[in-house]
Amino acid sequence: IAMELSQRYRCELYIVTMDDMGTEDAYAFAKDLYREHGMGFGTDKSGLLFLLSMARRDYALVAYGYGNTAFTDYGKDVLLERHVLPRLAEDRYYDAFAAYLNTSGEYLAMAREGTPFDADTDPEQGKTRFLIKLGVTLLLPLLIAGAVCLLWLRRMRTARPARAADQYIPAGGFRLTGRED
């Protein structure tokens, strides 16, 4: 799949798994690996490298050349967080790598058509925006109204039951001023 996509879009796709990369940062290690091994397609070395360290369960995603155009920062985050990392968390490596390649193919196709995958072109982002608008439009006024009603309700609970009427008799006693019925 990686070879076919690389040839079609002139942007190499790599998956590198390491047993252990020592104490080095995964992103720095991936960048060094990409450069030292002359990875990438063409003179601008276009490509996308997904690195996974098995010992530390650390990962990195590095793009070069046209890879930076096709894979925006937002697109790389979505690729990892929605498609790859949930599968890796369940130890479904084949599914994670297949999702990485298939989603990368979709992103490359979008970039070739002139609209790289980003926050503006993400269909899920549109759903999220709708839910936020719905929440602000409906739920926020309901919460405010509920808070006001609870405040009024608390103020209405000042009366307490009494067992005797002693508190209504003045300290000097009771004096009747009028004796007419």
Protein backbone atom coordinates (compact mmCIF):
# COMPACT_ATOMS: atom_id res chain seq x y z
CA ILE A 1 0.00 0.00 0.00
CA ALA A 2 2.82 2.39 0.92
CA MET A 3 4.66 1.79 -2.35
CA GLU A 4 1.52 2.24 -4.44
CA LEU A 5 0.59 5.49 -2.67
CA SER A 6 4.17 6.75 -2.85
CA GLN A 7 4.31 6.24 -6.61
CA ARG A 8 0.85 7.71 -7.21
CA TYR A 9 1.38 10.89 -5.17
CA ARG A 10 5.18 11.22 -5.37
CA CYS A 11 5.41 11.34 -1.59
CA GLU A 12 7.02 8.44 0.29
CA LEU A 13 5.16 6.92 3.23
CA TYR A 14 7.18 5.11 5.89
CA ILE A 15 6.44 3.08 8.99
CA VAL A 16 9.43 2.44 11.23
CA THR A 17 9.21 0.34 14.39
CA MET A 18 12.12 0.23 16.81
CA ASP A 19 12.68 -2.11 19.73
CA ASP A 20 14.42 0.66 21.64
CA MET A 21 15.77 4.06 20.62
CA GLY A 22 17.49 4.80 23.91
CA THR A 23 16.76 8.02 25.74
CA GLU A 24 16.52 10.21 22.63
CA ASP A 25 13.31 12.13 21.91
CA ALA A 26 11.14 10.26 19.37
CA TYR A 27 10.64 13.30 17.12
CA ALA A 28 14.36 14.13 17.03
CA PHE A 29 15.19 10.48 16.41
CA ALA A 30 12.68 10.29 13.52
CA LYS A 31 14.06 13.46 11.91
CA ASP A 32 17.62 12.18 12.16
CA LEU A 33 16.62 8.78 10.78
CA TYR A 34 14.85 10.41 7.81
CA ARG A 35 17.84 12.59 6.94
CA GLU A 36 20.60 10.02 7.56
CA HIS A 37 18.98 7.36 5.38
CA GLY A 38 18.15 9.73 2.51
CA MET A 39 14.45 9.03 2.73
CA GLY A 40 11.87 10.85 0.64
CA PHE A 41 10.71 11.15 -2.94
CA GLY A 42 12.45 13.36 -5.45
CA THR A 43 14.80 16.26 -4.90
CA ASP A 44 12.72 17.84 -2.12
CA LYS A 45 12.65 14.48 -0.25
CA SER A 46 8.85 14.48 0.06
CA GLY A 47 7.54 12.04 2.58
CA LEU A 48 5.88 11.15 5.85
CA LEU A 49 7.54 8.95 8.46
CA PHE A 50 5.68 7.32 11.34
CA LEU A 51 8.07 6.07 14.02
CA LEU A 52 7.03 3.77 16.86
CA SER A 53 9.32 2.78 19.72
CA MET A 54 8.13 -0.48 21.24
CA ALA A 55 10.14 -0.24 24.48
CA ARG A 56 8.83 3.18 25.53
CA ARG A 57 5.62 3.07 23.49
CA ASP A 58 6.62 6.46 22.13
CA TYR A 59 5.89 7.70 18.62
CA ALA A 60 6.60 10.52 16.19
CA LEU A 61 5.27 11.70 12.85
CA VAL A 62 7.63 13.66 10.61
CA ALA A 63 6.82 15.23 7.22
CA TYR A 64 9.20 16.64 4.60
CA GLY A 65 8.79 18.40 1.26
CA TYR A 66 5.33 17.92 -0.23
CA GLY A 67 4.50 15.95 2.89
CA ASN A 68 4.32 19.25 4.77
CA THR A 69 1.76 20.52 2.27
CA ALA A 70 -0.39 17.40 2.28
CA PHE A 71 -0.08 16.80 6.02
CA THR A 72 -0.80 19.99 7.93
CA ASP A 73 -0.16 20.09 11.67
CA TYR A 74 -3.89 19.69 12.24
CA GLY A 75 -4.01 16.81 9.75
CA LYS A 76 -1.10 15.01 11.46
CA ASP A 77 -2.78 15.39 14.85
CA VAL A 78 -6.07 13.99 13.52
CA LEU A 79 -4.28 11.17 11.70
CA LEU A 80 -2.68 10.07 14.95
CA GLU A 81 -5.43 10.79 17.46
CA ARG A 82 -8.43 9.50 15.49
CA HIS A 83 -6.98 6.78 13.33
CA VAL A 84 -3.69 5.39 14.62
CA LEU A 85 -3.30 5.80 18.40
CA PRO A 86 -6.67 4.28 19.42
CA ARG A 87 -5.74 1.09 17.56
CA LEU A 88 -2.24 1.05 19.00
CA ALA A 89 -3.69 1.43 22.49
CA GLU A 90 -5.58 -1.83 21.88
CA ASP A 91 -2.39 -3.51 20.54
CA ARG A 92 -3.93 -3.76 17.06
CA TYR A 93 -0.75 -2.88 15.17
CA TYR A 94 -1.80 -4.11 11.74
CA ASP A 95 -5.04 -2.11 11.94
CA ALA A 96 -3.15 0.97 13.14
CA PHE A 97 -0.64 0.79 10.29
CA ALA A 98 -3.39 0.14 7.73
CA ALA A 99 -5.33 3.14 9.07
CA TYR A 100 -2.15 5.24 8.84
CA LEU A 101 -1.64 4.31 5.19
CA ASN A 102 -5.29 4.58 4.13
CA THR A 103 -5.82 7.92 5.84
CA SER A 104 -2.53 9.19 4.42
CA GLY A 105 -3.79 8.23 0.96
CA GLU A 106 -6.97 10.24 1.56
CA TYR A 107 -4.97 13.26 2.73
CA LEU A 108 -2.65 13.04 -0.29
CA ALA A 109 -5.65 12.85 -2.63
CA MET A 110 -7.20 15.92 -1.01
CA ALA A 111 -3.90 17.81 -1.30
CA ARG A 112 -3.58 16.89 -4.96
CA GLU A 113 -7.07 18.36 -5.56
CA GLY A 114 -5.89 21.61 -3.97
CA THR A 115 -7.52 21.35 -0.52
CA PRO A 116 -5.23 19.65 2.02
CA PHE A 117 -6.90 18.13 5.05
CA ASP A 118 -7.11 20.80 7.75
CA ALA A 119 -9.58 22.18 10.30
CA ASP A 120 -11.52 23.92 7.51
CA THR A 121 -11.92 20.75 5.44
CA ASP A 122 -12.49 18.26 8.29
CA PRO A 123 -16.07 16.95 8.17
CA GLU A 124 -15.86 15.94 11.85
CA GLN A 125 -14.95 19.51 12.78
CA GLY A 126 -18.23 20.65 11.22
CA LYS A 127 -20.14 18.21 13.44
CA THR A 128 -18.27 19.48 16.47
CA ARG A 129 -19.03 23.08 15.61
CA PHE A 130 -22.72 22.22 15.21
CA LEU A 131 -22.79 20.53 18.62
CA ILE A 132 -21.07 23.51 20.23
CA LYS A 133 -23.55 25.91 18.65
CA LEU A 134 -26.43 23.70 19.76
CA GLY A 135 -25.07 23.58 23.28
CA VAL A 136 -24.61 27.34 23.46
CA THR A 137 -28.01 28.01 21.93
CA LEU A 138 -30.07 25.56 23.99
CA LEU A 139 -28.19 24.35 27.01
CA LEU A 140 -26.61 27.58 28.18
CA PRO A 141 -29.95 29.44 28.53
CA LEU A 142 -31.45 26.41 30.28
CA LEU A 143 -28.59 26.34 32.75
CA ILE A 144 -28.91 30.05 33.47
CA ALA A 145 -32.70 29.77 33.94
CA GLY A 146 -32.25 26.74 36.19
CA ALA A 147 -29.71 28.59 38.35
CA VAL A 148 -32.06 31.59 38.72
CA CYS A 149 -34.99 29.31 39.65
CA LEU A 150 -32.88 27.48 42.24
CA LEU A 151 -31.84 30.82 43.75
CA TRP A 152 -35.47 31.92 44.03
CA LEU A 153 -36.44 28.55 45.50
CA ARG A 154 -33.79 28.85 48.21
CA ARG A 155 -35.09 32.28 49.19
CA MET A 156 -38.63 30.90 49.58
CA ARG A 157 -37.62 28.37 52.24
CA THR A 158 -37.37 30.76 55.19
CA ALA A 159 -40.40 29.45 57.14
CA ARG A 160 -39.68 26.76 59.71
CA PRO A 161 -42.22 24.70 61.69
CA ALA A 162 -42.46 25.58 65.41
CA ARG A 163 -43.71 23.28 68.20
CA ALA A 164 -44.81 26.11 70.53
CA ALA A 165 -45.87 29.74 70.23
CA ASP A 166 -43.55 30.99 72.98
CA GLN A 167 -41.45 32.93 70.51
CA TYR A 168 -44.41 35.14 69.67
CA ILE A 169 -44.97 36.29 73.30
CA PRO A 170 -42.91 39.34 74.31
CA ALA A 171 -40.39 39.06 77.16
CA GLY A 172 -42.55 41.14 79.59
CA GLY A 173 -45.59 38.97 79.04
CA PHE A 174 -48.82 39.31 77.12
CA ARG A 175 -51.04 42.36 77.62
CA LEU A 176 -54.47 42.50 76.12
CA THR A 177 -55.47 46.03 75.11
CA GLY A 178 -58.91 45.46 73.68
CA ARG A 179 -61.61 43.14 74.99
CA GLU A 180 -64.30 43.27 72.42
CA ASP A 181 -65.44 40.39 70.34
